[in-house]
Amino acid sequence: MVQRIDVTGAEGVRLAAWEFAEPPKRGGDGERGSGVLLLHGLMGRASHWASTARWLSERHRAVALDQRGHGRSEKPAEGPFTREAYVADAEAVVEQLGLAPVTLIGHSMGALTAWQLAAKRPDLVRALIICDMRASALGAASQREWEDWFKAWPVPFATLADVRKWFGEDDPWVERPTPARGEFYAEVMAERADGWGPVFSRRQMLTSRETWVHDAHWEELAQVRCPTLVVRGLDGELGRAEAQEMVRVLPRGAYAEVADAGHLVHYDRPDAWHEAIAPFLNEVLTP
């Protein structure tokens, strides 16, 4: 069972949060029902966490958020799509849904939002999992590459099969496209009169990305006081050396990696991802 919960974010933006399965019964083991908030990456949506959220819901209250500009949440024409807005939205979800002290699990941009919230509001956050997100600045060249990549999308796609094939096999901007990548992007497409296109605005995605790619985020990482697990796919965007430096900078950092996984670690290899994070969750969520 998946239940939609409407939440009011910063500046009154309407957000869609999704609670997976029935909220576990409180009592018994003391920690049953503890809150977990899952934050997707740029262009993602809450449904990308479905496998992880259902797995978590066996013991915890698992909520995934469609962040502003994504999924079923509001896409305000003029934003804002700043770091402050994304962090304030996540803060509002934790408070309005009574998830604190929450365990934050974020992928890519969602991981950055998670650790910025943990640094800002340590009183709200019990633990943190960072999935394949770099703390170093990516730079202007990276942003230009994304602009060119968006222009290369052959939209509209005639069918969802074409979406899966282009992103999963034919995308010339990716060294090793995979079927899982095709499925990932098929989930963020909607049918319209002329074919299939993204449920988000590519212009808004570039605006969102512009607010964090030029800066490093080590200082905020060092301010995170809760137990934190840094996870990377061996073929992902976060290199081992940088991941281990992130663990060193974190006051209570730990490290895990998933073999045969790329950037979409949790989506590409869900069973291996669950195995990688289970020991950490068992430790931080056990009384």
Protein backbone atom coordinates (compact mmCIF):
# COMPACT_ATOMS: atom_id res chain seq x y z
CA MET A 1 0.00 0.00 0.00
CA VAL A 2 1.21 3.48 -0.91
CA GLN A 3 -0.52 6.52 0.53
CA ARG A 4 -0.07 10.05 -0.76
CA ILE A 5 0.30 12.77 1.88
CA ASP A 6 0.16 16.42 0.87
CA VAL A 7 2.65 18.67 2.64
CA THR A 8 3.25 22.41 2.51
CA GLY A 9 6.84 23.28 1.77
CA ALA A 10 8.77 26.55 1.87
CA GLU A 11 6.99 29.58 0.36
CA GLY A 12 3.77 27.52 0.43
CA VAL A 13 4.86 25.14 -2.34
CA ARG A 14 2.64 22.05 -2.45
CA LEU A 15 4.61 18.85 -2.02
CA ALA A 16 3.57 15.23 -2.50
CA ALA A 17 5.00 12.75 0.00
CA TRP A 18 4.38 9.03 -0.24
CA GLU A 19 4.18 6.65 2.70
CA PHE A 20 4.86 3.05 1.79
CA ALA A 21 2.86 0.27 3.46
CA GLU A 22 0.90 0.61 6.67
CA PRO A 23 2.72 2.52 9.42
CA PRO A 24 4.25 -0.22 11.60
CA LYS A 25 2.71 -0.72 15.01
CA ARG A 26 4.50 1.13 17.77
CA GLY A 27 5.78 -0.77 20.75
CA GLY A 28 7.23 -4.22 20.99
CA ASP A 29 10.82 -3.67 19.88
CA GLY A 30 11.04 -0.03 20.94
CA GLU A 31 12.20 1.31 17.58
CA ARG A 32 9.42 -0.02 15.36
CA GLY A 33 7.93 2.85 13.46
CA SER A 34 10.95 5.17 13.62
CA GLY A 35 10.85 7.68 10.77
CA VAL A 36 12.86 7.42 7.56
CA LEU A 37 12.70 10.08 4.82
CA LEU A 38 13.96 9.22 1.35
CA LEU A 39 15.10 12.00 -0.99
CA HIS A 40 15.59 11.32 -4.71
CA GLY A 41 18.17 12.98 -6.95
CA LEU A 42 17.80 15.55 -9.71
CA MET A 43 15.08 14.48 -12.21
CA GLY A 44 14.05 11.64 -9.89
CA ARG A 45 10.81 10.98 -8.07
CA ALA A 46 9.63 9.22 -4.92
CA SER A 47 8.73 6.04 -6.82
CA HIS A 48 12.41 5.43 -7.54
CA TRP A 49 12.67 4.53 -3.85
CA ALA A 50 9.79 2.01 -3.96
CA SER A 51 11.94 -1.09 -3.42
CA THR A 52 13.89 0.47 -0.54
CA ALA A 53 10.80 2.06 1.02
CA ARG A 54 8.87 -1.23 1.05
CA TRP A 55 11.88 -3.01 2.53
CA LEU A 56 12.21 -0.36 5.23
CA SER A 57 8.49 -0.31 5.98
CA GLU A 58 8.72 -3.78 7.50
CA ARG A 59 10.27 -2.12 10.57
CA HIS A 60 10.06 1.64 10.14
CA ARG A 61 7.82 4.42 8.92
CA ALA A 62 9.15 4.98 5.39
CA VAL A 63 8.24 8.18 3.53
CA ALA A 64 9.56 9.24 0.13
CA LEU A 65 9.23 12.82 -1.09
CA ASP A 66 8.65 14.21 -4.56
CA GLN A 67 10.82 17.29 -4.22
CA ARG A 68 9.73 20.62 -5.67
CA GLY A 69 9.82 20.60 -9.45
CA HIS A 70 9.65 16.79 -9.50
CA GLY A 71 7.04 14.04 -9.64
CA ARG A 72 3.61 15.09 -8.38
CA SER A 73 4.88 18.05 -6.37
CA GLU A 74 4.32 21.63 -7.47
CA LYS A 75 6.61 23.07 -10.14
CA PRO A 76 6.46 26.84 -9.52
CA ALA A 77 7.34 28.67 -12.72
CA GLU A 78 9.76 31.02 -11.00
CA GLY A 79 10.94 28.65 -8.29
CA PRO A 80 12.81 29.22 -6.14
CA PHE A 81 14.96 26.16 -6.77
CA THR A 82 17.72 27.09 -4.37
CA ARG A 83 19.51 24.88 -1.88
CA GLU A 84 17.76 26.74 0.90
CA ALA A 85 14.35 25.96 -0.60
CA TYR A 86 15.04 22.24 -1.00
CA VAL A 87 16.39 21.97 2.53
CA ALA A 88 13.44 23.93 3.96
CA ASP A 89 11.03 21.62 2.13
CA ALA A 90 12.62 18.52 3.65
CA GLU A 91 12.59 20.18 7.07
CA ALA A 92 8.87 20.92 6.66
CA VAL A 93 8.13 17.30 5.75
CA VAL A 94 9.97 15.97 8.80
CA GLU A 95 8.13 18.36 11.11
CA GLN A 96 4.66 18.15 9.58
CA LEU A 97 4.69 14.34 9.41
CA GLY A 98 6.24 13.90 12.85
CA LEU A 99 9.21 11.89 11.58
CA ALA A 100 11.84 13.29 13.94
CA PRO A 101 14.30 12.12 14.98
CA VAL A 102 14.48 10.99 11.38
CA THR A 103 16.91 8.88 9.39
CA LEU A 104 17.59 10.67 6.11
CA ILE A 105 18.50 8.63 3.02
CA GLY A 106 19.41 10.67 -0.03
CA HIS A 107 20.61 9.92 -3.53
CA SER A 108 22.75 12.40 -5.48
CA MET A 109 21.18 15.88 -5.11
CA GLY A 110 18.84 14.43 -2.49
CA ALA A 111 21.88 13.34 -0.47
CA LEU A 112 23.19 16.90 -0.51
CA THR A 113 19.80 18.13 0.72
CA ALA A 114 19.92 15.49 3.44
CA TRP A 115 23.33 16.44 4.79
CA GLN A 116 22.57 20.15 4.60
CA LEU A 117 19.43 19.53 6.67
CA ALA A 118 21.39 17.40 9.13
CA ALA A 119 23.91 20.22 9.52
CA LYS A 120 21.19 22.86 9.89
CA ARG A 121 18.86 20.95 12.23
CA PRO A 122 20.76 18.29 14.17
CA ASP A 123 17.83 18.10 16.57
CA LEU A 124 15.68 16.59 13.81
CA VAL A 125 18.09 14.00 12.41
CA ARG A 126 19.05 10.68 13.99
CA ALA A 127 21.19 9.26 11.16
CA LEU A 128 22.10 9.88 7.53
CA ILE A 129 22.89 7.80 4.45
CA ILE A 130 24.59 9.52 1.50
CA CYS A 131 24.23 7.66 -1.79
CA ASP A 132 26.70 8.53 -4.58
CA MET A 133 26.98 12.31 -4.09
CA ARG A 134 30.21 14.27 -4.27
CA ALA A 135 31.21 16.99 -1.81
CA SER A 136 33.61 18.66 -4.25
CA ALA A 137 32.60 21.31 -6.77
CA LEU A 138 31.72 19.98 -10.22
CA GLY A 139 32.30 23.27 -12.01
CA ALA A 140 31.00 25.26 -14.96
CA ALA A 141 32.08 22.70 -17.57
CA SER A 142 29.85 20.11 -15.92
CA GLN A 143 26.87 22.46 -16.13
CA ARG A 144 27.52 23.13 -19.83
CA GLU A 145 27.66 19.39 -20.48
CA TRP A 146 24.25 18.99 -18.87
CA GLU A 147 22.83 21.79 -21.00
CA ASP A 148 24.10 20.06 -24.14
CA TRP A 149 22.81 16.69 -22.95
CA PHE A 150 19.31 18.03 -22.38
CA LYS A 151 19.31 19.52 -25.88
CA ALA A 152 20.23 16.09 -27.27
CA TRP A 153 17.13 14.36 -25.91
CA PRO A 154 15.00 13.22 -28.88
CA VAL A 155 11.74 14.44 -27.35
CA PRO A 156 8.95 13.76 -27.74
CA PHE A 157 9.44 10.00 -27.61
CA ALA A 158 6.88 8.05 -29.61
CA THR A 159 6.50 5.30 -26.99
CA LEU A 160 7.79 4.34 -23.56
CA ALA A 161 9.76 1.60 -25.30
CA ASP A 162 11.63 4.36 -27.14
CA VAL A 163 12.34 6.05 -23.80
CA ARG A 164 13.75 2.83 -22.38
CA LYS A 165 15.85 2.18 -25.47
CA TRP A 166 17.36 5.66 -25.73
CA PHE A 167 18.30 6.04 -22.07
CA GLY A 168 19.09 2.36 -21.59
CA GLU A 169 21.05 1.70 -24.81
CA ASP A 170 21.53 4.63 -27.18
CA ASP A 171 22.32 7.73 -25.08
CA PRO A 172 25.64 8.92 -26.59
CA TRP A 173 26.46 10.98 -23.49
CA VAL A 174 26.77 7.90 -21.28
CA GLU A 175 29.65 5.46 -21.51
CA ARG A 176 27.68 2.43 -20.34
CA PRO A 177 23.89 2.78 -20.55
CA THR A 178 21.99 -0.05 -18.82
CA PRO A 179 18.43 -1.40 -18.96
CA ALA A 180 17.91 -0.18 -15.38
CA ARG A 181 18.75 3.34 -16.54
CA GLY A 182 16.11 3.05 -19.24
CA GLU A 183 13.54 1.99 -16.66
CA PHE A 184 14.60 4.85 -14.36
CA TYR A 185 13.84 7.45 -17.01
CA ALA A 186 10.65 5.72 -18.14
CA GLU A 187 9.30 6.45 -14.64
CA VAL A 188 9.73 10.21 -15.12
CA MET A 189 7.94 10.43 -18.46
CA ALA A 190 4.29 11.26 -19.10
CA GLU A 191 2.17 10.89 -22.22
CA ARG A 192 0.98 14.01 -23.97
CA ALA A 193 -0.63 14.77 -27.34
CA ASP A 194 2.59 14.53 -29.36
CA GLY A 195 4.21 11.62 -27.49
CA TRP A 196 6.12 11.08 -24.25
CA GLY A 197 8.09 13.75 -22.42
CA PRO A 198 9.55 14.41 -18.96
CA VAL A 199 7.26 15.28 -16.05
CA PHE A 200 9.74 18.00 -15.09
CA SER A 201 11.02 21.11 -16.82
CA ARG A 202 14.58 20.69 -18.05
CA ARG A 203 15.05 24.43 -17.58
CA GLN A 204 14.09 24.08 -13.92
CA MET A 205 16.42 21.12 -13.51
CA LEU A 206 19.33 23.18 -14.83
CA THR A 207 18.34 26.01 -12.48
CA SER A 208 18.31 23.59 -9.53
CA ARG A 209 21.70 22.18 -10.49
CA GLU A 210 23.20 25.64 -11.01
CA THR A 211 22.76 26.37 -7.30
CA TRP A 212 25.16 23.65 -6.14
CA VAL A 213 27.58 22.52 -8.87
CA HIS A 214 29.92 25.51 -8.57
CA ASP A 215 30.52 25.14 -4.82
CA ALA A 216 32.18 22.54 -2.64
CA HIS A 217 30.19 21.28 0.34
CA TRP A 218 32.86 19.99 2.70
CA GLU A 219 32.18 22.57 5.39
CA GLU A 220 28.53 21.56 5.74
CA LEU A 221 29.54 17.90 5.69
CA ALA A 222 31.86 18.49 8.62
CA GLN A 223 28.95 20.01 10.56
CA VAL A 224 26.93 16.77 10.42
CA ARG A 225 27.07 15.29 13.92
CA CYS A 226 24.88 12.20 13.51
CA PRO A 227 26.12 8.76 12.37
CA THR A 228 26.53 8.91 8.59
CA LEU A 229 27.11 6.21 5.98
CA VAL A 230 28.66 7.17 2.64
CA VAL A 231 27.75 4.66 -0.09
CA ARG A 232 29.06 4.55 -3.63
CA GLY A 233 28.59 2.32 -6.66
CA LEU A 234 31.92 1.11 -7.95
CA ASP A 235 31.05 2.53 -11.38
CA GLY A 236 29.23 5.58 -10.02
CA GLU A 237 30.12 9.27 -10.00
CA LEU A 238 31.61 9.34 -6.51
CA GLY A 239 35.18 8.05 -6.58
CA ARG A 240 36.61 5.91 -3.79
CA ALA A 241 39.23 8.47 -2.73
CA GLU A 242 36.67 11.27 -2.41
CA ALA A 243 34.19 8.99 -0.64
CA GLN A 244 36.81 7.99 1.91
CA GLU A 245 37.79 11.62 2.42
CA MET A 246 34.11 12.40 3.07
CA VAL A 247 34.09 9.67 5.72
CA ARG A 248 37.22 11.19 7.27
CA VAL A 249 35.66 14.68 7.36
CA LEU A 250 32.44 13.43 8.92
CA PRO A 251 32.66 13.29 12.72
CA ARG A 252 30.86 9.92 12.75
CA GLY A 253 31.34 8.65 9.21
CA ALA A 254 31.30 5.11 7.80
CA TYR A 255 31.84 3.74 4.30
CA ALA A 256 30.20 1.12 2.06
CA GLU A 257 30.31 0.32 -1.63
CA VAL A 258 28.19 -1.72 -4.02
CA ALA A 259 29.88 -3.77 -6.75
CA ASP A 260 28.55 -3.78 -10.32
CA ALA A 261 26.54 -0.62 -9.69
CA GLY A 262 26.66 2.80 -11.28
CA HIS A 263 25.29 6.13 -10.14
CA LEU A 264 21.76 4.73 -9.68
CA VAL A 265 22.96 2.40 -6.93
CA HIS A 266 19.65 1.93 -5.11
CA TYR A 267 17.70 1.47 -8.35
CA ASP A 268 20.26 -0.55 -10.29
CA ARG A 269 21.12 -3.08 -7.57
CA PRO A 270 18.39 -2.88 -4.90
CA ASP A 271 19.25 -6.14 -3.13
CA ALA A 272 22.96 -5.33 -2.93
CA TRP A 273 22.09 -1.77 -1.83
CA HIS A 274 19.89 -3.09 0.98
CA GLU A 275 22.66 -5.46 2.05
CA ALA A 276 25.15 -2.58 2.13
CA ILE A 277 23.05 -0.29 4.32
CA ALA A 278 21.38 -2.88 6.58
CA PRO A 279 24.24 -3.17 9.15
CA PHE A 280 24.39 0.60 9.54
CA LEU A 281 20.62 0.91 9.98
CA ASN A 282 20.54 -1.96 12.45
CA GLU A 283 23.21 -0.24 14.52
CA VAL A 284 21.81 3.29 14.55
CA LEU A 285 18.14 2.31 14.90
CA THR A 286 18.58 -0.33 17.59
CA PRO A 287 17.95 0.89 21.16
